Amino acid sequence: MGVRELGLPQRAAVGGLPSRVTIWEVGPRDGLQNESAIVPVEVKLEFLDRLADAGLTTLEATSFVSPKWVPQLADAEQLLERLTRREGVRYPVLVPNERGLKRALDANCRDIAIFGSATETFAQRNLNSTVEKQFDMFAPVVSGALDAGMDVRAYLSMCFGDPWEGPVPYSQVVSAGKRLLELGCSQLSLGDTIGVATAGQVEGLLAAFADAGVGPERLAVHFHDTYGQALANTVTALRCGVSTVDSSAGGLGGCPYAESATGNLATEDLLWTLDGLGVETGVDLGKLAATSAWMAERLGRPSPSRVVSALTG
């Protein structure tokens, strides 16, 4: 499917934003893991190759979670064995525990991520743990990865609201986030797992981290667009100094914990905004939109990204 000749957004740079933003593309992992039908490994490999060709340099490729819980990613070893890694492109994988770390080491992975919780209920439901005990689970994973020369990123979920516990206090998020960084993680991604954050909350949480000695250079943001706030929240985070943003090509993915959740911030929607603001990313919007339209055809439904629809519909 081709891309319409609508042109790129008109650039009107504004002050107070980073000159360049790193996009952490989560579509191949966070996006595809929620699909009901199994996506063939050949399609996943071509998806990764197309994303790299569009200029994305961080592609979260897969996850070493149990195939029992995430059958869509049961082909992790096969995918990584067949993956042609491009020079200058990182292919991080999600690792939940020491068993997952061993699988990542056997697959010669260089970058991994762990996934923690800021709330007790989600820790119990998603990690079969508690907020306190999760750090004991992650400590040997992080130390083992660092000993092997890997880079480790930490995700922290439920940073703004929890469907069982309601609004999450800043202090609670900062406490959990700092402990993940103190384990040796290089970066902490703050997740709005159910998409309820507002711009004021984003500014408040980032200020709380700054007061606790964690600057924006150590942080990334991961917004879901359940209530249409992901872009507004992202721009707020950028104004606060954050320069790494998680997003998913074509808006792939969803949240099983909120009704009508529309999933991850679409990378194309993010790019349209960043291009318009004069923020560099190194990503070709036209190529990426064509890639997401191609993937939507294989999934048998339109892309939820408005920019993809505008450029390719």
Protein backbone atom coordinates (compact mmCIF):
# COMPACT_ATOMS: atom_id res chain seq x y z
CA MET A 1 0.00 0.00 0.00
CA GLY A 2 1.41 3.37 -1.00
CA VAL A 3 1.64 6.61 0.93
CA ARG A 4 -0.48 9.57 -0.15
CA GLU A 5 1.26 12.72 -1.31
CA LEU A 6 0.03 14.80 1.60
CA GLY A 7 3.48 16.12 2.40
CA LEU A 8 5.12 16.28 5.78
CA PRO A 9 3.89 18.48 8.60
CA GLN A 10 4.92 22.10 8.36
CA ARG A 11 7.73 22.72 10.80
CA ALA A 12 7.26 25.37 13.45
CA ALA A 13 9.93 24.82 16.09
CA VAL A 14 9.26 25.95 19.64
CA GLY A 15 11.60 26.37 22.55
CA GLY A 16 11.93 24.20 25.61
CA LEU A 17 12.10 20.85 23.79
CA PRO A 18 14.99 18.45 23.21
CA SER A 19 16.65 18.92 19.83
CA ARG A 20 16.51 15.16 19.26
CA VAL A 21 14.31 12.39 20.63
CA THR A 22 15.06 8.67 20.70
CA ILE A 23 12.04 6.54 19.84
CA TRP A 24 11.96 3.19 21.64
CA GLU A 25 9.83 1.14 19.24
CA VAL A 26 7.78 -1.47 21.10
CA GLY A 27 5.46 -2.66 18.33
CA PRO A 28 7.18 -5.98 17.60
CA ARG A 29 6.93 -6.98 21.27
CA ASP A 30 4.35 -4.96 23.20
CA GLY A 31 2.20 -4.55 20.11
CA LEU A 32 2.11 -8.09 18.77
CA GLN A 33 1.92 -9.87 22.14
CA ASN A 34 -1.77 -8.97 22.43
CA GLU A 35 -2.81 -10.37 19.06
CA SER A 36 -5.36 -13.18 19.25
CA ALA A 37 -4.01 -14.95 16.15
CA ILE A 38 -0.42 -16.14 15.91
CA VAL A 39 1.65 -13.90 13.62
CA PRO A 40 4.10 -15.99 11.54
CA VAL A 41 7.76 -15.51 12.38
CA GLU A 42 8.44 -14.56 8.74
CA VAL A 43 6.04 -11.62 9.09
CA LYS A 44 7.68 -10.54 12.34
CA LEU A 45 11.13 -10.66 10.75
CA GLU A 46 10.01 -8.55 7.80
CA PHE A 47 8.31 -6.13 10.19
CA LEU A 48 11.57 -5.66 12.11
CA ASP A 49 13.52 -5.19 8.89
CA ARG A 50 11.05 -2.61 7.57
CA LEU A 51 11.13 -0.71 10.87
CA ALA A 52 14.92 -0.57 10.75
CA ASP A 53 14.78 0.56 7.13
CA ALA A 54 12.53 3.44 8.20
CA GLY A 55 15.30 4.67 10.50
CA LEU A 56 14.26 3.36 13.90
CA THR A 57 17.34 2.41 15.91
CA THR A 58 15.80 0.74 18.97
CA LEU A 59 13.43 -2.13 18.19
CA GLU A 60 12.09 -4.18 21.08
CA ALA A 61 12.11 -7.50 19.28
CA THR A 62 10.40 -10.03 21.54
CA SER A 63 10.04 -11.31 25.09
CA PHE A 64 11.33 -14.33 27.00
CA VAL A 65 8.20 -14.76 29.05
CA SER A 66 6.60 -18.17 29.37
CA PRO A 67 4.86 -19.25 26.14
CA LYS A 68 2.03 -20.43 28.38
CA TRP A 69 1.22 -16.83 29.30
CA VAL A 70 2.15 -15.11 26.02
CA PRO A 71 1.79 -17.69 23.22
CA GLN A 72 2.19 -14.97 20.59
CA LEU A 73 5.89 -14.68 21.51
CA ALA A 74 6.63 -18.39 21.85
CA ASP A 75 8.87 -18.13 18.79
CA ALA A 76 11.39 -15.81 20.52
CA GLU A 77 14.40 -18.08 20.02
CA GLN A 78 13.50 -18.83 16.41
CA LEU A 79 12.99 -15.15 15.64
CA LEU A 80 16.31 -14.07 17.16
CA GLU A 81 18.18 -16.91 15.48
CA ARG A 82 16.90 -15.81 12.08
CA LEU A 83 17.06 -12.06 12.70
CA THR A 84 19.56 -10.11 10.60
CA ARG A 85 20.80 -7.48 13.03
CA ARG A 86 21.60 -4.16 11.42
CA GLU A 87 24.61 -2.09 12.35
CA GLY A 88 23.60 0.70 14.69
CA VAL A 89 20.26 -0.87 15.63
CA ARG A 90 19.51 -2.24 19.10
CA TYR A 91 17.15 -5.19 19.54
CA PRO A 92 16.25 -5.33 23.26
CA VAL A 93 14.12 -8.17 24.63
CA LEU A 94 11.93 -8.33 27.70
CA VAL A 95 13.21 -10.68 30.43
CA PRO A 96 10.96 -11.45 33.42
CA ASN A 97 13.23 -13.61 35.58
CA GLU A 98 16.49 -15.61 35.72
CA ARG A 99 15.09 -18.27 33.41
CA GLY A 100 14.36 -15.58 30.87
CA LEU A 101 17.85 -14.14 31.30
CA LYS A 102 19.39 -17.53 30.51
CA ARG A 103 17.34 -17.70 27.33
CA ALA A 104 18.47 -14.18 26.39
CA LEU A 105 22.12 -15.08 27.01
CA ASP A 106 21.78 -18.24 24.92
CA ALA A 107 20.32 -16.10 22.12
CA ASN A 108 23.30 -13.67 22.28
CA CYS A 109 21.11 -10.70 23.20
CA ARG A 110 22.92 -7.48 24.09
CA ASP A 111 20.06 -5.47 25.59
CA ILE A 112 17.30 -6.58 27.93
CA ALA A 113 14.45 -4.98 29.86
CA ILE A 114 12.72 -5.92 33.09
CA PHE A 115 9.12 -5.06 33.94
CA GLY A 116 8.20 -3.93 37.46
CA SER A 117 5.10 -2.56 39.16
CA ALA A 118 4.46 0.55 41.23
CA THR A 119 1.35 -0.96 42.85
CA GLU A 120 0.70 -4.01 44.99
CA THR A 121 -2.32 -5.31 43.09
CA PHE A 122 -0.64 -5.24 39.71
CA ALA A 123 2.51 -6.82 41.18
CA GLN A 124 0.39 -9.69 42.47
CA ARG A 125 -1.63 -10.11 39.28
CA ASN A 126 1.13 -9.62 36.73
CA LEU A 127 4.28 -10.73 38.55
CA ASN A 128 2.84 -13.12 41.15
CA SER A 129 4.85 -11.09 43.64
CA THR A 130 4.65 -7.98 45.81
CA VAL A 131 6.18 -4.57 45.27
CA GLU A 132 8.87 -5.41 47.82
CA LYS A 133 9.62 -8.94 46.67
CA GLN A 134 9.88 -7.95 43.01
CA PHE A 135 13.25 -6.35 43.71
CA ASP A 136 14.58 -9.63 45.08
CA MET A 137 13.40 -11.29 41.86
CA PHE A 138 15.00 -8.66 39.63
CA ALA A 139 18.33 -8.28 41.47
CA PRO A 140 20.00 -11.48 40.13
CA VAL A 141 18.61 -10.80 36.65
CA VAL A 142 20.15 -7.34 36.51
CA SER A 143 23.46 -8.34 38.07
CA GLY A 144 23.75 -11.38 35.80
CA ALA A 145 23.02 -9.30 32.74
CA LEU A 146 25.52 -6.61 33.72
CA ASP A 147 28.18 -9.26 34.37
CA ALA A 148 27.57 -10.48 30.82
CA GLY A 149 28.06 -6.98 29.41
CA MET A 150 24.38 -6.36 28.69
CA ASP A 151 22.49 -3.12 29.06
CA VAL A 152 19.38 -3.34 31.25
CA ARG A 153 16.35 -1.10 31.05
CA ALA A 154 13.51 -1.09 33.59
CA TYR A 155 9.83 -0.60 32.88
CA LEU A 156 7.62 0.53 35.73
CA SER A 157 3.90 -0.01 35.25
CA MET A 158 0.90 1.74 36.84
CA CYS A 159 2.78 5.00 37.36
CA PHE A 160 -0.28 7.24 37.10
CA GLY A 161 -3.32 5.13 37.86
CA ASP A 162 -4.24 1.57 38.75
CA PRO A 163 -7.66 0.04 37.87
CA TRP A 164 -7.92 -1.53 41.35
CA GLU A 165 -6.15 1.04 43.52
CA GLY A 166 -6.96 4.30 41.76
CA PRO A 167 -4.50 7.22 41.50
CA VAL A 168 -0.95 6.29 42.45
CA PRO A 169 0.98 8.70 44.72
CA TYR A 170 4.11 10.21 43.20
CA SER A 171 6.15 9.09 46.21
CA GLN A 172 5.15 5.47 45.64
CA VAL A 173 6.25 5.59 41.99
CA VAL A 174 9.51 7.37 42.80
CA SER A 175 10.36 4.86 45.52
CA ALA A 176 9.87 1.87 43.23
CA GLY A 177 11.57 3.56 40.27
CA LYS A 178 14.66 4.57 42.23
CA ARG A 179 15.10 1.03 43.50
CA LEU A 180 15.02 -0.34 39.96
CA LEU A 181 17.66 2.16 38.89
CA GLU A 182 19.77 1.37 41.96
CA LEU A 183 19.84 -2.29 40.89
CA GLY A 184 21.91 -1.11 37.91
CA CYS A 185 19.34 -0.35 35.22
CA SER A 186 20.48 2.33 32.81
CA GLN A 187 17.03 3.78 32.16
CA LEU A 188 13.57 3.75 33.72
CA SER A 189 10.49 3.87 31.49
CA LEU A 190 7.44 5.30 33.27
CA GLY A 191 4.31 3.50 32.10
CA ASP A 192 0.79 4.88 32.00
CA THR A 193 -0.52 1.34 31.73
CA ILE A 194 -4.22 2.16 31.55
CA GLY A 195 -3.88 5.51 29.80
CA VAL A 196 -5.35 7.76 32.50
CA ALA A 197 -2.50 10.25 32.94
CA THR A 198 -2.95 13.96 32.37
CA ALA A 199 -0.28 16.53 31.53
CA GLY A 200 -0.30 17.95 35.06
CA GLN A 201 0.33 14.51 36.52
CA VAL A 202 3.22 13.97 34.13
CA GLU A 203 4.86 17.23 35.15
CA GLY A 204 4.26 16.47 38.81
CA LEU A 205 5.75 12.98 38.67
CA LEU A 206 8.84 14.11 36.76
CA ALA A 207 9.33 16.92 39.28
CA ALA A 208 9.09 14.37 42.11
CA PHE A 209 11.79 12.26 40.46
CA ALA A 210 13.97 15.35 40.04
CA ASP A 211 13.52 16.22 43.73
CA ALA A 212 14.64 12.65 44.53
CA GLY A 213 17.82 13.08 42.48
CA VAL A 214 16.69 11.29 39.30
CA GLY A 215 16.97 13.58 36.30
CA PRO A 216 15.08 13.28 33.01
CA GLU A 217 18.16 11.85 31.27
CA ARG A 218 17.55 8.61 33.20
CA LEU A 219 13.86 8.45 32.33
CA ALA A 220 11.64 7.51 29.40
CA VAL A 221 7.86 7.69 29.03
CA HIS A 222 5.39 5.07 27.83
CA PHE A 223 1.85 6.37 27.35
CA HIS A 224 -1.29 4.55 26.33
CA ASP A 225 -3.92 6.52 24.43
CA THR A 226 -7.07 5.25 26.15
CA TYR A 227 -8.42 8.77 26.69
CA GLY A 228 -6.61 10.46 23.83
CA GLN A 229 -3.97 12.04 26.06
CA ALA A 230 -0.80 10.23 24.97
CA LEU A 231 0.54 12.98 22.70
CA ALA A 232 -0.24 15.79 25.14
CA ASN A 233 1.43 13.84 27.92
CA THR A 234 4.45 13.14 25.73
CA VAL A 235 4.96 16.79 24.81
CA THR A 236 4.72 17.67 28.51
CA ALA A 237 7.41 15.09 29.31
CA LEU A 238 9.64 16.50 26.57
CA ARG A 239 9.25 20.00 28.01
CA CYS A 240 10.43 18.53 31.33
CA GLY A 241 13.62 17.24 29.66
CA VAL A 242 12.76 13.63 28.80
CA SER A 243 14.23 12.64 25.43
CA THR A 244 13.29 8.95 25.07
CA VAL A 245 9.71 8.03 24.17
CA ASP A 246 8.20 4.56 23.84
CA SER A 247 5.72 4.08 21.01
CA SER A 248 4.30 1.37 18.77
CA ALA A 249 4.25 1.42 14.96
CA GLY A 250 0.68 1.79 13.76
CA GLY A 251 -0.59 1.98 17.35
CA LEU A 252 -0.32 -1.80 17.76
CA GLY A 253 -1.10 -3.18 21.19
CA GLY A 254 -3.67 -2.66 23.85
CA CYS A 255 -4.26 -2.76 27.56
CA PRO A 256 -6.27 -5.69 28.93
CA TYR A 257 -6.92 -3.84 32.20
CA ALA A 258 -9.09 -0.98 30.96
CA GLU A 259 -12.30 -0.95 28.95
CA SER A 260 -11.98 0.69 25.51
CA ALA A 261 -8.21 1.02 25.86
CA THR A 262 -6.82 1.94 22.49
CA GLY A 263 -3.31 0.78 23.17
CA ASN A 264 0.08 2.30 22.74
CA LEU A 265 0.87 5.72 21.36
CA ALA A 266 1.28 5.24 17.60
CA THR A 267 4.82 5.96 16.43
CA GLU A 268 3.50 7.75 13.31
CA ASP A 269 1.31 10.07 15.40
CA LEU A 270 4.33 10.82 17.57
CA LEU A 271 6.49 11.45 14.50
CA TRP A 272 3.97 13.85 12.96
CA THR A 273 4.08 15.91 16.17
CA LEU A 274 7.86 15.79 16.55
CA ASP A 275 8.49 16.59 12.88
CA GLY A 276 6.12 19.54 13.18
CA LEU A 277 7.94 20.81 16.26
CA GLY A 278 11.32 20.55 14.55
CA VAL A 279 12.54 17.74 16.81
CA GLU A 280 14.90 15.32 15.07
CA THR A 281 14.36 11.54 15.26
CA GLY A 282 16.10 10.15 12.17
CA VAL A 283 12.91 8.29 11.21
CA ASP A 284 11.25 8.49 7.79
CA LEU A 285 7.53 9.05 8.43
CA GLY A 286 6.45 7.93 4.95
CA LYS A 287 8.35 4.65 5.13
CA LEU A 288 7.05 3.96 8.62
CA ALA A 289 3.43 4.64 7.69
CA ALA A 290 3.74 2.30 4.71
CA THR A 291 5.20 -0.36 7.02
CA SER A 292 2.30 -0.05 9.46
CA ALA A 293 -0.24 -0.21 6.64
CA TRP A 294 1.50 -3.37 5.41
CA MET A 295 1.31 -4.90 8.89
CA ALA A 296 -2.34 -3.89 9.27
CA GLU A 297 -3.14 -5.81 6.10
CA ARG A 298 -1.51 -8.91 7.55
CA LEU A 299 -3.44 -8.54 10.78
CA GLY A 300 -6.66 -8.09 8.84
CA ARG A 301 -7.79 -4.75 10.23
CA PRO A 302 -7.10 -1.03 9.78
CA SER A 303 -4.36 0.66 11.73
CA PRO A 304 -5.71 2.68 14.69
CA SER A 305 -3.12 5.38 13.96
CA ARG A 306 -4.77 8.48 12.53
CA VAL A 307 -1.58 9.47 10.73
CA VAL A 308 -1.27 6.04 9.10
CA SER A 309 -4.90 6.28 7.99
CA ALA A 310 -4.39 9.80 6.61
CA LEU A 311 -1.23 8.89 4.72
CA THR A 312 -2.23 5.48 3.38
CA GLY A 313 -6.03 5.26 3.49
